């Protein structure tokens, strides 16, 4: 069965990282789509000595904030507008 964006948004999804759909706190949403991911997982990031996140764009601010909040990112590369948006919006 196909999964719709509306379905994932209704569950609190703000975007995906490494193929896992996450909510605003960086937790995987409770949906079967997250069981289909093959590869490195969010919890694996803690074992990597230097994790680099390169992302930008106003539409990605919620998911960037969620990923940064997990505390696994060592280096963050973005554009000025996205950085300003991240600093301007209150964290959840």
Protein backbone atom coordinates (compact mmCIF):
# COMPACT_ATOMS: atom_id res chain seq x y z
CA UNK A 1 0.00 0.00 0.00
CA UNK A 2 1.19 3.49 -0.77
CA UNK A 3 1.94 5.89 2.04
CA UNK A 4 0.83 9.50 1.69
CA UNK A 5 2.47 12.63 3.03
CA UNK A 6 -0.79 13.48 4.77
CA UNK A 7 -0.65 10.18 6.64
CA UNK A 8 2.90 10.83 7.87
CA UNK A 9 2.13 14.45 8.75
CA UNK A 10 -0.89 13.34 10.79
CA UNK A 11 1.46 11.13 12.81
CA UNK A 12 3.70 14.14 13.51
CA UNK A 13 6.27 13.56 10.79
CA UNK A 14 8.38 16.60 9.92
CA UNK A 15 10.77 14.94 7.45
CA UNK A 16 13.18 12.09 7.12
CA UNK A 17 16.82 11.45 7.86
CA UNK A 18 18.63 8.41 6.52
CA UNK A 19 15.26 7.22 5.20
CA UNK A 20 13.56 7.23 8.62
CA UNK A 21 10.55 9.54 9.00
CA UNK A 22 10.90 11.50 12.24
CA UNK A 23 8.81 13.84 14.37
CA UNK A 24 9.82 17.28 15.70
CA UNK A 25 11.71 15.67 18.60
CA UNK A 26 13.73 13.44 16.27
CA UNK A 27 11.84 10.26 17.15
CA UNK A 28 10.82 7.86 14.38
CA UNK A 29 7.07 8.10 13.75
CA UNK A 30 5.05 4.97 14.47
CA UNK A 31 4.41 3.83 10.92
CA UNK A 32 5.31 0.66 8.97
CA UNK A 33 7.31 2.73 6.46
CA UNK A 34 10.07 3.05 9.07
CA UNK A 35 10.36 -0.74 9.28
CA UNK A 36 11.33 -0.89 5.60
CA UNK A 37 14.58 1.07 5.97
CA UNK A 38 17.74 -0.89 5.25
CA UNK A 39 21.01 0.78 6.20
CA UNK A 40 22.45 3.00 8.89
CA UNK A 41 19.93 4.02 11.51
CA UNK A 42 19.56 7.12 13.67
CA UNK A 43 20.96 5.30 16.71
CA UNK A 44 24.07 4.36 14.73
CA UNK A 45 25.04 8.02 14.41
CA UNK A 46 26.29 8.06 18.02
CA UNK A 47 29.03 5.58 17.07
CA UNK A 48 30.39 7.70 14.21
CA UNK A 49 33.17 10.08 15.33
CA UNK A 50 32.31 12.99 13.01
CA UNK A 51 28.78 13.22 11.66
CA UNK A 52 28.23 15.97 9.10
CA UNK A 53 24.77 17.28 8.25
CA UNK A 54 24.48 19.35 5.08
CA UNK A 55 20.96 20.67 4.58
CA UNK A 56 19.19 23.90 3.83
CA UNK A 57 15.94 25.52 2.85
CA UNK A 58 13.06 26.96 4.82
CA UNK A 59 10.96 23.82 4.25
CA UNK A 60 13.64 21.72 5.98
CA UNK A 61 13.92 23.80 9.18
CA UNK A 62 11.66 21.50 11.28
CA UNK A 63 13.53 18.31 10.34
CA UNK A 64 16.95 19.99 10.65
CA UNK A 65 16.01 21.18 14.15
CA UNK A 66 14.86 17.67 15.07
CA UNK A 67 18.08 16.07 13.83
CA UNK A 68 20.29 18.64 15.54
CA UNK A 69 18.35 18.08 18.75
CA UNK A 70 19.41 14.43 18.81
CA UNK A 71 22.95 15.57 19.65
CA UNK A 72 24.71 13.34 17.11
CA UNK A 73 25.76 16.04 14.61
CA UNK A 74 29.33 17.34 14.91
CA UNK A 75 29.41 19.57 11.83
CA UNK A 76 26.46 21.39 10.29
CA UNK A 77 26.67 23.01 6.86
CA UNK A 78 23.81 25.22 5.65
CA UNK A 79 22.97 28.53 4.02
CA UNK A 80 22.59 31.81 5.88
CA UNK A 81 18.81 32.02 5.52
CA UNK A 82 18.30 28.55 6.99
CA UNK A 83 20.69 29.31 9.85
CA UNK A 84 18.77 32.50 10.64
CA UNK A 85 15.45 30.60 10.56
CA UNK A 86 16.84 27.95 12.92
CA UNK A 87 18.04 30.61 15.35
CA UNK A 88 14.83 32.68 15.12
CA UNK A 89 12.27 29.94 15.73
CA UNK A 90 11.81 28.75 19.30
CA UNK A 91 12.83 25.15 19.88
CA UNK A 92 10.09 22.70 20.90
